[in-house]
Amino acid sequence: MTDIVGIQARIAWELLLSGDRCLHDSGPEADYNGLLEGMEAAQLLSLMEKVLERLKQLGAEPVASGHGEELKGREPETLYIDSSYHIRLGSPDGPAIPFRPLVRALFILFLRHPEGIVLKQRGRYEAELNEIYAIISPKTAPEDRQARLHRLVDPEDNSFSEKASVLNALLDRLLPETAFNYKIQGINGYPRRIPLSPLKVVWDISFP
């Protein structure tokens, strides 16, 4: 899982900054390799301009990809995520971010998809959420887990908005100077995403 998640996330990030619209039409298991090769330089430049303009409209200050700089404020610390999806800040033995299990599952899902998730299409990610949540909360009965996740991905339910609000509020409280980089954000009709670069996420490490 470590290499697949990290590589897929980095490819998705590069494609997002290049403006490749294929990303937002892809399913949760999409393979992003090769999508750039068929595009001409003029197409890439045009798409980049559109994406950078969209980021500005969302309140972000876009920067060039791959240089470790972030969109706003002080440079954020790296997240270290082990095979049980514990999330630590700054180092493998740094402080854990105390998300509740379902909120943590949502956070992990968005970190795995830096290209963003269209809310109306979030039902596509129910199986992936189930896999994540089962690891985070193994003692939760399968039927209870499924019921909670179904509410989370149901477009008619407020569960997603509630969990995203809890997540963002906790980050604002714990990380007031850098919370922007870790929060789920976006506007209606466009993918919601976490702007943190995948280069700032280390997956499935072994803690000392």
N, C-alpha and C. Protein backbone atom coordinates (compact mmCIF):
# COMPACT_ATOMS: atom_id res chain seq x y z
N MET A 1 0.82 -1.20 0.00
CA MET A 1 0.00 0.00 0.00
C MET A 1 0.86 1.26 0.00
N THR A 2 2.02 1.22 0.71
CA THR A 2 2.83 2.41 0.87
C THR A 2 3.20 3.03 -0.47
N ASP A 3 3.86 2.25 -1.32
CA ASP A 3 4.35 2.79 -2.58
C ASP A 3 3.21 3.19 -3.50
N ILE A 4 2.16 2.36 -3.57
CA ILE A 4 1.04 2.64 -4.47
C ILE A 4 0.37 3.95 -4.08
N VAL A 5 0.07 4.11 -2.80
CA VAL A 5 -0.61 5.33 -2.35
C VAL A 5 0.25 6.55 -2.60
N GLY A 6 1.54 6.47 -2.23
CA GLY A 6 2.41 7.62 -2.40
C GLY A 6 2.60 8.01 -3.85
N ILE A 7 2.83 7.04 -4.72
CA ILE A 7 3.06 7.33 -6.13
C ILE A 7 1.80 7.86 -6.78
N GLN A 8 0.67 7.19 -6.55
CA GLN A 8 -0.59 7.65 -7.13
C GLN A 8 -0.92 9.08 -6.68
N ALA A 9 -0.68 9.36 -5.40
CA ALA A 9 -0.97 10.70 -4.89
C ALA A 9 -0.10 11.75 -5.56
N ARG A 10 1.17 11.43 -5.75
CA ARG A 10 2.07 12.42 -6.37
C ARG A 10 1.71 12.64 -7.83
N ILE A 11 1.37 11.57 -8.53
CA ILE A 11 0.95 11.72 -9.93
C ILE A 11 -0.30 12.56 -10.01
N ALA A 12 -1.26 12.29 -9.12
CA ALA A 12 -2.50 13.06 -9.13
C ALA A 12 -2.24 14.53 -8.86
N TRP A 13 -1.32 14.81 -7.94
CA TRP A 13 -0.98 16.20 -7.62
C TRP A 13 -0.39 16.91 -8.84
N GLU A 14 0.53 16.24 -9.53
CA GLU A 14 1.14 16.84 -10.71
C GLU A 14 0.08 17.11 -11.78
N LEU A 15 -0.82 16.16 -11.96
CA LEU A 15 -1.86 16.33 -12.97
C LEU A 15 -2.83 17.44 -12.59
N LEU A 16 -3.11 17.57 -11.29
CA LEU A 16 -3.99 18.64 -10.84
C LEU A 16 -3.39 19.98 -11.19
N LEU A 17 -2.10 20.16 -10.90
CA LEU A 17 -1.46 21.44 -11.18
C LEU A 17 -1.30 21.66 -12.68
N SER A 18 -1.29 20.57 -13.46
CA SER A 18 -1.22 20.73 -14.91
C SER A 18 -2.59 21.03 -15.49
N GLY A 19 -3.65 20.80 -14.68
CA GLY A 19 -5.00 21.11 -15.12
C GLY A 19 -5.66 20.02 -15.91
N ASP A 20 -5.21 18.78 -15.83
CA ASP A 20 -5.79 17.70 -16.62
C ASP A 20 -7.18 17.37 -16.13
N ARG A 21 -8.19 17.68 -16.94
CA ARG A 21 -9.58 17.47 -16.52
C ARG A 21 -9.93 16.01 -16.43
N CYS A 22 -9.12 15.12 -17.01
CA CYS A 22 -9.40 13.69 -16.92
C CYS A 22 -9.45 13.22 -15.48
N LEU A 23 -8.73 13.94 -14.61
CA LEU A 23 -8.70 13.54 -13.20
C LEU A 23 -10.08 13.49 -12.60
N HIS A 24 -10.87 14.52 -12.86
CA HIS A 24 -12.14 14.64 -12.16
C HIS A 24 -13.21 13.74 -12.76
N ASP A 25 -12.90 13.08 -13.86
CA ASP A 25 -13.82 12.12 -14.43
C ASP A 25 -13.41 10.69 -14.11
N SER A 26 -12.30 10.54 -13.37
CA SER A 26 -11.77 9.20 -13.09
C SER A 26 -12.37 8.64 -11.82
N GLY A 27 -12.45 7.33 -11.75
CA GLY A 27 -12.93 6.67 -10.55
C GLY A 27 -11.87 6.65 -9.48
N PRO A 28 -12.18 6.18 -8.28
CA PRO A 28 -11.25 6.21 -7.16
C PRO A 28 -10.04 5.32 -7.37
N GLU A 29 -10.13 4.34 -8.27
CA GLU A 29 -9.01 3.46 -8.50
C GLU A 29 -8.23 3.86 -9.76
N ALA A 30 -8.41 5.11 -10.21
CA ALA A 30 -7.83 5.51 -11.48
C ALA A 30 -6.31 5.40 -11.47
N ASP A 31 -5.77 5.04 -12.63
CA ASP A 31 -4.33 5.02 -12.84
C ASP A 31 -4.00 6.24 -13.67
N TYR A 32 -3.22 7.18 -13.11
CA TYR A 32 -2.97 8.43 -13.76
C TYR A 32 -1.74 8.40 -14.67
N ASN A 33 -1.02 7.27 -14.70
CA ASN A 33 0.16 7.19 -15.55
C ASN A 33 -0.22 7.37 -17.01
N GLY A 34 0.56 8.14 -17.73
CA GLY A 34 0.39 8.26 -19.16
C GLY A 34 -0.58 9.32 -19.61
N LEU A 35 -1.32 9.96 -18.68
CA LEU A 35 -2.31 10.95 -19.10
C LEU A 35 -1.66 12.21 -19.67
N LEU A 36 -0.45 12.53 -19.22
CA LEU A 36 0.21 13.74 -19.71
C LEU A 36 0.88 13.54 -21.06
N GLU A 37 1.29 12.28 -21.35
CA GLU A 37 2.11 12.05 -22.54
C GLU A 37 1.40 12.43 -23.83
N GLY A 38 0.06 12.32 -23.86
CA GLY A 38 -0.67 12.61 -25.08
C GLY A 38 -1.01 14.07 -25.27
N MET A 39 -0.56 14.94 -24.36
CA MET A 39 -0.92 16.35 -24.43
C MET A 39 0.24 17.17 -24.98
N GLU A 40 -0.08 18.13 -25.86
CA GLU A 40 0.91 19.03 -26.40
C GLU A 40 1.23 20.14 -25.39
N ALA A 41 2.37 20.79 -25.60
CA ALA A 41 2.80 21.84 -24.68
C ALA A 41 1.75 22.96 -24.58
N ALA A 42 1.18 23.34 -25.73
CA ALA A 42 0.19 24.41 -25.72
C ALA A 42 -1.03 24.03 -24.90
N GLN A 43 -1.45 22.74 -24.99
CA GLN A 43 -2.59 22.27 -24.21
C GLN A 43 -2.29 22.34 -22.72
N LEU A 44 -1.09 21.89 -22.35
CA LEU A 44 -0.70 21.90 -20.94
C LEU A 44 -0.67 23.32 -20.40
N LEU A 45 -0.09 24.25 -21.17
CA LEU A 45 0.00 25.63 -20.71
C LEU A 45 -1.39 26.24 -20.54
N SER A 46 -2.28 25.95 -21.48
CA SER A 46 -3.64 26.48 -21.40
C SER A 46 -4.37 25.95 -20.17
N LEU A 47 -4.23 24.64 -19.93
CA LEU A 47 -4.89 24.03 -18.80
C LEU A 47 -4.30 24.52 -17.48
N MET A 48 -2.98 24.71 -17.44
CA MET A 48 -2.33 25.22 -16.24
C MET A 48 -2.86 26.61 -15.89
N GLU A 49 -3.02 27.45 -16.91
CA GLU A 49 -3.53 28.79 -16.65
C GLU A 49 -4.93 28.74 -16.03
N LYS A 50 -5.77 27.83 -16.54
CA LYS A 50 -7.13 27.71 -16.02
C LYS A 50 -7.13 27.23 -14.58
N VAL A 51 -6.27 26.25 -14.28
CA VAL A 51 -6.23 25.71 -12.92
C VAL A 51 -5.67 26.74 -11.95
N LEU A 52 -4.61 27.44 -12.34
CA LEU A 52 -4.04 28.45 -11.46
C LEU A 52 -5.04 29.58 -11.18
N GLU A 53 -5.81 29.96 -12.20
CA GLU A 53 -6.83 30.97 -12.00
C GLU A 53 -7.91 30.48 -11.05
N ARG A 54 -8.28 29.19 -11.20
CA ARG A 54 -9.31 28.62 -10.33
C ARG A 54 -8.82 28.58 -8.89
N LEU A 55 -7.56 28.24 -8.67
CA LEU A 55 -7.00 28.21 -7.33
C LEU A 55 -7.03 29.60 -6.70
N LYS A 56 -6.74 30.61 -7.49
CA LYS A 56 -6.80 31.98 -6.97
C LYS A 56 -8.23 32.33 -6.56
N GLN A 57 -9.21 31.91 -7.36
CA GLN A 57 -10.60 32.18 -7.03
C GLN A 57 -11.01 31.49 -5.73
N LEU A 58 -10.37 30.36 -5.42
CA LEU A 58 -10.68 29.63 -4.20
C LEU A 58 -9.93 30.20 -2.99
N GLY A 59 -9.13 31.24 -3.21
CA GLY A 59 -8.43 31.88 -2.11
C GLY A 59 -7.04 31.35 -1.88
N ALA A 60 -6.54 30.49 -2.79
CA ALA A 60 -5.21 29.92 -2.64
C ALA A 60 -4.23 30.72 -3.48
N GLU A 61 -2.98 30.75 -3.04
CA GLU A 61 -1.93 31.35 -3.83
C GLU A 61 -1.11 30.22 -4.42
N PRO A 62 -1.37 29.83 -5.67
CA PRO A 62 -0.69 28.69 -6.25
C PRO A 62 0.78 28.94 -6.46
N VAL A 63 1.55 27.86 -6.37
CA VAL A 63 2.99 27.92 -6.59
C VAL A 63 3.37 26.81 -7.54
N ALA A 64 4.59 26.85 -8.01
CA ALA A 64 5.06 25.79 -8.91
C ALA A 64 5.13 24.48 -8.17
N SER A 65 4.79 23.40 -8.88
CA SER A 65 4.75 22.06 -8.27
C SER A 65 6.15 21.54 -7.99
N GLY A 66 6.26 20.74 -6.91
CA GLY A 66 7.45 19.94 -6.71
C GLY A 66 8.58 20.63 -5.97
N HIS A 67 8.36 21.83 -5.38
CA HIS A 67 9.44 22.52 -4.72
C HIS A 67 9.25 22.59 -3.22
N GLY A 68 8.26 21.88 -2.69
CA GLY A 68 8.08 21.82 -1.26
C GLY A 68 7.42 23.05 -0.67
N GLU A 69 7.03 24.03 -1.52
CA GLU A 69 6.36 25.21 -1.02
C GLU A 69 4.87 24.94 -0.98
N GLU A 70 4.17 25.63 -0.09
CA GLU A 70 2.74 25.38 0.05
C GLU A 70 1.95 26.61 -0.35
N LEU A 71 0.64 26.49 -0.29
CA LEU A 71 -0.22 27.49 -0.88
C LEU A 71 -0.40 28.74 -0.04
N LYS A 72 -0.25 28.65 1.26
CA LYS A 72 -0.57 29.82 2.07
C LYS A 72 0.07 29.68 3.44
N GLY A 73 0.60 30.81 3.96
CA GLY A 73 1.09 30.82 5.33
C GLY A 73 2.44 30.13 5.49
N ARG A 74 2.79 29.86 6.74
CA ARG A 74 4.06 29.22 7.07
C ARG A 74 4.09 27.80 6.49
N GLU A 75 5.27 27.34 6.14
CA GLU A 75 5.39 26.01 5.54
C GLU A 75 4.89 24.95 6.52
N PRO A 76 3.99 24.08 6.08
CA PRO A 76 3.43 23.06 6.99
C PRO A 76 4.43 21.95 7.25
N GLU A 77 4.19 21.24 8.34
CA GLU A 77 5.03 20.10 8.66
C GLU A 77 4.54 18.85 7.92
N THR A 78 5.44 17.91 7.80
CA THR A 78 5.12 16.64 7.13
C THR A 78 4.22 15.79 8.02
N LEU A 79 3.29 15.08 7.39
CA LEU A 79 2.46 14.11 8.09
C LEU A 79 3.07 12.72 7.92
N TYR A 80 3.14 11.98 9.01
CA TYR A 80 3.65 10.61 9.01
C TYR A 80 2.48 9.68 9.35
N ILE A 81 2.17 8.77 8.45
CA ILE A 81 0.98 7.93 8.59
C ILE A 81 1.40 6.47 8.54
N ASP A 82 1.12 5.74 9.63
CA ASP A 82 1.55 4.34 9.68
C ASP A 82 0.48 3.42 9.11
N SER A 83 0.74 2.12 9.16
CA SER A 83 -0.16 1.15 8.54
C SER A 83 -1.51 1.05 9.25
N SER A 84 -1.61 1.60 10.48
CA SER A 84 -2.89 1.65 11.19
C SER A 84 -3.58 2.99 11.03
N TYR A 85 -3.02 3.84 10.19
CA TYR A 85 -3.54 5.17 9.90
C TYR A 85 -3.51 6.11 11.10
N HIS A 86 -2.53 5.91 11.98
CA HIS A 86 -2.25 6.94 12.97
C HIS A 86 -1.52 8.07 12.24
N ILE A 87 -1.88 9.30 12.56
CA ILE A 87 -1.33 10.46 11.86
C ILE A 87 -0.50 11.26 12.84
N ARG A 88 0.79 11.39 12.55
CA ARG A 88 1.69 12.14 13.41
C ARG A 88 2.27 13.32 12.66
N LEU A 89 2.55 14.36 13.41
CA LEU A 89 2.94 15.63 12.81
C LEU A 89 4.43 15.88 13.00
N GLY A 90 5.14 16.12 11.90
CA GLY A 90 6.51 16.58 11.97
C GLY A 90 7.58 15.51 12.00
N SER A 91 7.28 14.36 12.61
CA SER A 91 8.27 13.28 12.69
C SER A 91 7.53 11.99 13.05
N PRO A 92 8.20 10.83 12.89
CA PRO A 92 7.54 9.57 13.21
C PRO A 92 7.09 9.45 14.66
N ASP A 93 7.76 10.19 15.55
CA ASP A 93 7.35 10.14 16.96
C ASP A 93 6.77 11.49 17.41
N GLY A 94 6.30 12.28 16.44
CA GLY A 94 5.70 13.57 16.76
C GLY A 94 4.31 13.41 17.34
N PRO A 95 3.66 14.51 17.68
CA PRO A 95 2.33 14.44 18.28
C PRO A 95 1.30 13.89 17.29
N ALA A 96 0.41 13.07 17.80
CA ALA A 96 -0.66 12.51 16.96
C ALA A 96 -1.79 13.53 16.85
N ILE A 97 -2.39 13.62 15.67
CA ILE A 97 -3.57 14.47 15.49
C ILE A 97 -4.78 13.67 15.97
N PRO A 98 -5.48 14.17 16.99
CA PRO A 98 -6.52 13.36 17.66
C PRO A 98 -7.88 13.39 16.96
N PHE A 99 -7.92 12.95 15.73
CA PHE A 99 -9.19 12.84 15.03
C PHE A 99 -10.00 11.67 15.58
N ARG A 100 -11.31 11.82 15.61
CA ARG A 100 -12.18 10.69 15.89
C ARG A 100 -12.13 9.73 14.69
N PRO A 101 -12.44 8.45 14.91
CA PRO A 101 -12.21 7.45 13.85
C PRO A 101 -12.82 7.79 12.49
N LEU A 102 -14.08 8.18 12.46
CA LEU A 102 -14.72 8.44 11.17
C LEU A 102 -14.15 9.69 10.51
N VAL A 103 -13.83 10.70 11.32
CA VAL A 103 -13.21 11.92 10.79
C VAL A 103 -11.81 11.59 10.26
N ARG A 104 -11.10 10.74 10.96
CA ARG A 104 -9.76 10.34 10.51
C ARG A 104 -9.84 9.57 9.19
N ALA A 105 -10.84 8.72 9.06
CA ALA A 105 -11.02 7.98 7.81
C ALA A 105 -11.26 8.94 6.64
N LEU A 106 -12.05 9.97 6.87
CA LEU A 106 -12.32 10.96 5.83
C LEU A 106 -11.05 11.71 5.47
N PHE A 107 -10.27 12.08 6.47
CA PHE A 107 -9.01 12.79 6.23
C PHE A 107 -8.05 11.93 5.41
N ILE A 108 -7.94 10.67 5.76
CA ILE A 108 -7.06 9.75 5.02
C ILE A 108 -7.52 9.62 3.58
N LEU A 109 -8.82 9.51 3.37
CA LEU A 109 -9.34 9.39 2.01
C LEU A 109 -8.92 10.59 1.16
N PHE A 110 -9.05 11.78 1.70
CA PHE A 110 -8.69 12.97 0.92
C PHE A 110 -7.19 13.07 0.70
N LEU A 111 -6.39 12.62 1.66
CA LEU A 111 -4.95 12.61 1.44
C LEU A 111 -4.57 11.63 0.34
N ARG A 112 -5.32 10.56 0.22
CA ARG A 112 -5.05 9.58 -0.84
C ARG A 112 -5.51 10.07 -2.21
N HIS A 113 -6.32 11.12 -2.23
CA HIS A 113 -6.84 11.65 -3.49
C HIS A 113 -6.60 13.16 -3.55
N PRO A 114 -5.35 13.58 -3.71
CA PRO A 114 -5.05 15.02 -3.74
C PRO A 114 -5.64 15.72 -4.96
N GLU A 115 -6.08 14.94 -5.96
CA GLU A 115 -6.74 15.54 -7.12
C GLU A 115 -8.11 16.09 -6.76
N GLY A 116 -8.65 15.66 -5.62
CA GLY A 116 -9.94 16.15 -5.16
C GLY A 116 -11.06 15.15 -5.39
N ILE A 117 -12.16 15.37 -4.70
CA ILE A 117 -13.34 14.51 -4.77
C ILE A 117 -14.57 15.39 -5.00
N VAL A 118 -15.30 15.08 -6.05
CA VAL A 118 -16.56 15.77 -6.32
C VAL A 118 -17.61 15.21 -5.38
N LEU A 119 -18.24 16.06 -4.60
CA LEU A 119 -19.13 15.59 -3.55
C LEU A 119 -20.28 14.75 -4.08
N LYS A 120 -20.81 15.12 -5.23
CA LYS A 120 -21.92 14.36 -5.79
C LYS A 120 -21.50 12.95 -6.20
N GLN A 121 -20.19 12.74 -6.33
CA GLN A 121 -19.67 11.44 -6.74
C GLN A 121 -19.02 10.69 -5.59
N ARG A 122 -19.24 11.14 -4.36
CA ARG A 122 -18.52 10.52 -3.24
C ARG A 122 -18.95 9.09 -2.96
N GLY A 123 -20.11 8.69 -3.47
CA GLY A 123 -20.51 7.30 -3.31
C GLY A 123 -19.53 6.32 -3.95
N ARG A 124 -18.77 6.79 -4.94
CA ARG A 124 -17.76 5.94 -5.58
C ARG A 124 -16.68 5.47 -4.60
N TYR A 125 -16.53 6.22 -3.52
CA TYR A 125 -15.41 5.98 -2.60
C TYR A 125 -15.84 5.19 -1.37
N GLU A 126 -17.06 4.68 -1.37
CA GLU A 126 -17.56 4.00 -0.17
C GLU A 126 -16.73 2.76 0.16
N ALA A 127 -16.37 1.97 -0.85
CA ALA A 127 -15.58 0.76 -0.59
C ALA A 127 -14.20 1.11 -0.04
N GLU A 128 -13.60 2.15 -0.59
CA GLU A 128 -12.29 2.57 -0.11
C GLU A 128 -12.37 3.10 1.32
N LEU A 129 -13.42 3.87 1.61
CA LEU A 129 -13.64 4.34 2.97
C LEU A 129 -13.84 3.19 3.94
N ASN A 130 -14.55 2.16 3.50
CA ASN A 130 -14.79 1.01 4.34
C ASN A 130 -13.48 0.31 4.70
N GLU A 131 -12.60 0.20 3.72
CA GLU A 131 -11.28 -0.42 3.96
C GLU A 131 -10.49 0.40 4.96
N ILE A 132 -10.51 1.73 4.82
CA ILE A 132 -9.77 2.61 5.72
C ILE A 132 -10.36 2.56 7.13
N TYR A 133 -11.68 2.67 7.21
CA TYR A 133 -12.35 2.72 8.51
C TYR A 133 -12.20 1.40 9.26
N ALA A 134 -12.19 0.29 8.54
CA ALA A 134 -12.01 -1.01 9.19
C ALA A 134 -10.64 -1.12 9.86
N ILE A 135 -9.64 -0.49 9.27
CA ILE A 135 -8.30 -0.49 9.85
C ILE A 135 -8.24 0.45 11.05
N ILE A 136 -8.87 1.60 10.94
CA ILE A 136 -8.85 2.59 12.02
C ILE A 136 -9.66 2.11 13.23
N SER A 137 -10.80 1.48 12.95
CA SER A 137 -11.70 1.08 14.04
C SER A 137 -12.09 -0.40 13.88
N PRO A 138 -11.14 -1.31 14.10
CA PRO A 138 -11.40 -2.73 13.84
C PRO A 138 -12.45 -3.36 14.74
N LYS A 139 -12.74 -2.75 15.89
CA LYS A 139 -13.71 -3.32 16.82
C LYS A 139 -15.15 -2.90 16.51
N THR A 140 -15.30 -1.97 15.58
CA THR A 140 -16.65 -1.55 15.20
C THR A 140 -17.31 -2.66 14.38
N ALA A 141 -18.53 -3.02 14.74
CA ALA A 141 -19.24 -4.08 14.02
C ALA A 141 -19.41 -3.69 12.55
N PRO A 142 -19.24 -4.65 11.64
CA PRO A 142 -19.34 -4.34 10.20
C PRO A 142 -20.63 -3.63 9.82
N GLU A 143 -21.75 -4.03 10.42
CA GLU A 143 -23.02 -3.40 10.06
C GLU A 143 -23.08 -1.94 10.53
N ASP A 144 -22.49 -1.67 11.72
CA ASP A 144 -22.43 -0.28 12.20
C ASP A 144 -21.50 0.56 11.32
N ARG A 145 -20.37 -0.03 10.96
CA ARG A 145 -19.42 0.67 10.10
C ARG A 145 -20.07 1.02 8.76
N GLN A 146 -20.78 0.06 8.18
CA GLN A 146 -21.41 0.28 6.89
C GLN A 146 -22.48 1.35 6.97
N ALA A 147 -23.24 1.36 8.05
CA ALA A 147 -24.31 2.36 8.21
C ALA A 147 -23.72 3.77 8.31
N ARG A 148 -22.64 3.92 9.06
CA ARG A 148 -22.02 5.23 9.21
C ARG A 148 -21.43 5.71 7.89
N LEU A 149 -20.80 4.81 7.17
CA LEU A 149 -20.20 5.19 5.90
C LEU A 149 -21.26 5.51 4.85
N HIS A 150 -22.36 4.78 4.89
CA HIS A 150 -23.43 5.06 3.93
C HIS A 150 -23.97 6.48 4.13
N ARG A 151 -24.11 6.88 5.36
CA ARG A 151 -24.53 8.26 5.64
C ARG A 151 -23.49 9.26 5.14
N LEU A 152 -22.22 8.92 5.32
CA LEU A 152 -21.15 9.83 4.93
C LEU A 152 -21.13 10.09 3.43
N VAL A 153 -21.46 9.10 2.64
CA VAL A 153 -21.40 9.25 1.18
C VAL A 153 -22.76 9.55 0.55
N ASP A 154 -23.82 9.58 1.36
CA ASP A 154 -25.15 9.85 0.85
C ASP A 154 -25.31 11.35 0.58
N PRO A 155 -25.54 11.76 -0.69
CA PRO A 155 -25.67 13.18 -1.01
C PRO A 155 -26.82 13.87 -0.27
N GLU A 156 -27.80 13.09 0.19
CA GLU A 156 -28.95 13.66 0.89
C GLU A 156 -28.74 13.80 2.38
N ASP A 157 -27.60 13.32 2.87
CA ASP A 157 -27.32 13.33 4.31
C ASP A 157 -26.29 14.43 4.63
N ASN A 158 -26.38 14.99 5.82
CA ASN A 158 -25.45 16.05 6.23
C ASN A 158 -24.19 15.52 6.90
N SER A 159 -24.03 14.20 6.95
CA SER A 159 -22.91 13.62 7.68
C SER A 159 -21.56 14.11 7.16
N PHE A 160 -21.42 14.18 5.83
CA PHE A 160 -20.13 14.63 5.29
C PHE A 160 -19.81 16.05 5.75
N SER A 161 -20.76 16.96 5.62
CA SER A 161 -20.53 18.34 6.01
C SER A 161 -20.19 18.44 7.50
N GLU A 162 -20.87 17.66 8.31
CA GLU A 162 -20.60 17.67 9.75
C GLU A 162 -19.18 17.20 10.05
N LYS A 163 -18.79 16.08 9.43
CA LYS A 163 -17.45 15.54 9.69
C LYS A 163 -16.36 16.46 9.16
N ALA A 164 -16.58 17.04 7.98
CA ALA A 164 -15.60 17.96 7.42
C ALA A 164 -15.47 19.20 8.30
N SER A 165 -16.56 19.69 8.86
CA SER A 165 -16.53 20.85 9.74
C SER A 165 -15.77 20.55 11.03
N VAL A 166 -16.01 19.36 11.59
CA VAL A 166 -15.29 18.94 12.79
C VAL A 166 -13.79 18.85 12.50
N LEU A 167 -13.45 18.25 11.37
CA LEU A 167 -12.05 18.10 10.97
C LEU A 167 -11.37 19.47 10.84
N ASN A 168 -12.01 20.37 10.10
CA ASN A 168 -11.40 21.68 9.86
C ASN A 168 -11.31 22.51 11.13
N ALA A 169 -12.32 22.40 11.99
CA ALA A 169 -12.30 23.16 13.25
C ALA A 169 -11.17 22.68 14.16
N LEU A 170 -10.96 21.37 14.21
CA LEU A 170 -9.88 20.83 15.04
C LEU A 170 -8.52 21.30 14.52
N LEU A 171 -8.35 21.29 13.20
CA LEU A 171 -7.08 21.75 12.62
C LEU A 171 -6.86 23.23 12.90
N ASP A 172 -7.90 24.04 12.82
CA ASP A 172 -7.77 25.46 13.13
C ASP A 172 -7.32 25.66 14.56
N ARG A 173 -7.82 24.82 15.47
CA ARG A 173 -7.47 24.96 16.88
C ARG A 173 -6.05 24.47 17.17
N LEU A 174 -5.66 23.35 16.56
CA LEU A 174 -4.36 22.75 16.84
C LEU A 174 -3.22 23.40 16.07
N LEU A 175 -3.52 23.84 14.83
CA LEU A 175 -2.48 24.34 13.94
C LEU A 175 -2.90 25.69 13.34
N PRO A 176 -3.04 26.70 14.17
CA PRO A 176 -3.60 27.96 13.67
C PRO A 176 -2.82 28.61 12.54
N GLU A 177 -1.50 28.39 12.48
CA GLU A 177 -0.69 29.05 11.46
C GLU A 177 -0.64 28.28 10.15
N THR A 178 -0.90 26.99 10.18
CA THR A 178 -0.74 26.18 8.96
C THR A 178 -1.98 25.35 8.64
N ALA A 179 -3.06 25.53 9.36
CA ALA A 179 -4.25 24.68 9.18
C ALA A 179 -4.76 24.69 7.76
N PHE A 180 -4.63 25.83 7.07
CA PHE A 180 -5.13 25.94 5.70
C PHE A 180 -4.64 24.78 4.83
N ASN A 181 -3.41 24.38 5.00
CA ASN A 181 -2.81 23.36 4.14
C ASN A 181 -3.40 21.97 4.34
N TYR A 182 -4.03 21.71 5.48
CA TYR A 182 -4.52 20.38 5.82
C TYR A 182 -6.04 20.25 5.73
N LYS A 183 -6.73 21.36 5.55
CA LYS A 183 -8.20 21.35 5.63
C LYS A 183 -8.84 20.93 4.30
N ILE A 184 -10.00 20.27 4.42
CA ILE A 184 -10.81 19.96 3.24
C ILE A 184 -11.51 21.24 2.82
N GLN A 185 -11.32 21.63 1.55
CA GLN A 185 -11.89 22.89 1.12
C GLN A 185 -12.27 22.85 -0.36
N GLY A 186 -13.06 23.82 -0.77
CA GLY A 186 -13.56 23.90 -2.12
C GLY A 186 -14.95 24.50 -2.12
N ILE A 187 -15.51 24.66 -3.31
CA ILE A 187 -16.84 25.25 -3.42
C ILE A 187 -17.75 24.30 -4.18
N ASN A 188 -19.04 24.53 -4.07
CA ASN A 188 -20.01 23.65 -4.71
C ASN A 188 -19.80 23.59 -6.22
N GLY A 189 -19.89 22.38 -6.74
CA GLY A 189 -19.73 22.18 -8.17
C GLY A 189 -18.31 21.87 -8.59
N TYR A 190 -17.36 21.99 -7.67
CA TYR A 190 -15.96 21.70 -7.95
C TYR A 190 -15.44 20.69 -6.93
N PRO A 191 -14.38 19.96 -7.26
CA PRO A 191 -13.86 18.97 -6.31
C PRO A 191 -13.40 19.62 -5.00
N ARG A 192 -13.71 18.97 -3.90
CA ARG A 192 -13.14 19.35 -2.60
C ARG A 192 -11.79 18.64 -2.48
N ARG A 193 -10.83 19.31 -1.85
CA ARG A 193 -9.52 18.71 -1.75
C ARG A 193 -8.75 19.30 -0.57
N ILE A 194 -7.68 18.62 -0.21
CA ILE A 194 -6.72 19.12 0.77
C ILE A 194 -5.51 19.63 -0.02
N PRO A 195 -5.12 20.89 0.13
CA PRO A 195 -4.06 21.43 -0.72
C PRO A 195 -2.64 21.01 -0.36
N LEU A 196 -2.47 20.25 0.70
CA LEU A 196 -1.13 19.81 1.09
C LEU A 196 -0.49 18.98 -0.01
N SER A 197 0.76 19.27 -0.34
CA SER A 197 1.47 18.49 -1.35
C SER A 197 1.68 17.06 -0.87
N PRO A 198 1.50 16.06 -1.73
CA PRO A 198 1.80 14.67 -1.34
C PRO A 198 3.25 14.46 -0.93
N LEU A 199 4.13 15.38 -1.33
CA LEU A 199 5.52 15.30 -0.89
C LEU A 199 5.65 15.53 0.61
N LYS A 200 4.59 16.07 1.21
CA LYS A 200 4.56 16.31 2.64
C LYS A 200 3.84 15.20 3.40
N VAL A 201 3.59 14.08 2.75
CA VAL A 201 2.91 12.95 3.40
C VAL A 201 3.78 11.72 3.24
N VAL A 202 4.14 11.11 4.36
CA VAL A 202 4.95 9.88 4.35
C VAL A 202 4.05 8.74 4.83
N TRP A 203 3.89 7.73 3.98
CA TRP A 203 2.93 6.65 4.24
C TRP A 203 3.61 5.39 4.79
N ASP A 204 2.92 4.75 5.75
CA ASP A 204 3.24 3.40 6.19
C ASP A 204 4.67 3.22 6.64
N ILE A 205 5.14 4.19 7.41
CA ILE A 205 6.50 4.09 7.94
C ILE A 205 6.51 3.20 9.18
N SER A 206 7.69 2.81 9.62
CA SER A 206 7.84 2.04 10.86
C SER A 206 8.28 2.99 11.96
N PHE A 207 7.43 3.14 12.95
CA PHE A 207 7.81 4.01 14.06
C PHE A 207 8.92 3.36 14.87
N PRO A 208 9.79 4.17 15.47
CA PRO A 208 10.85 3.60 16.32
C PRO A 208 10.26 2.88 17.53
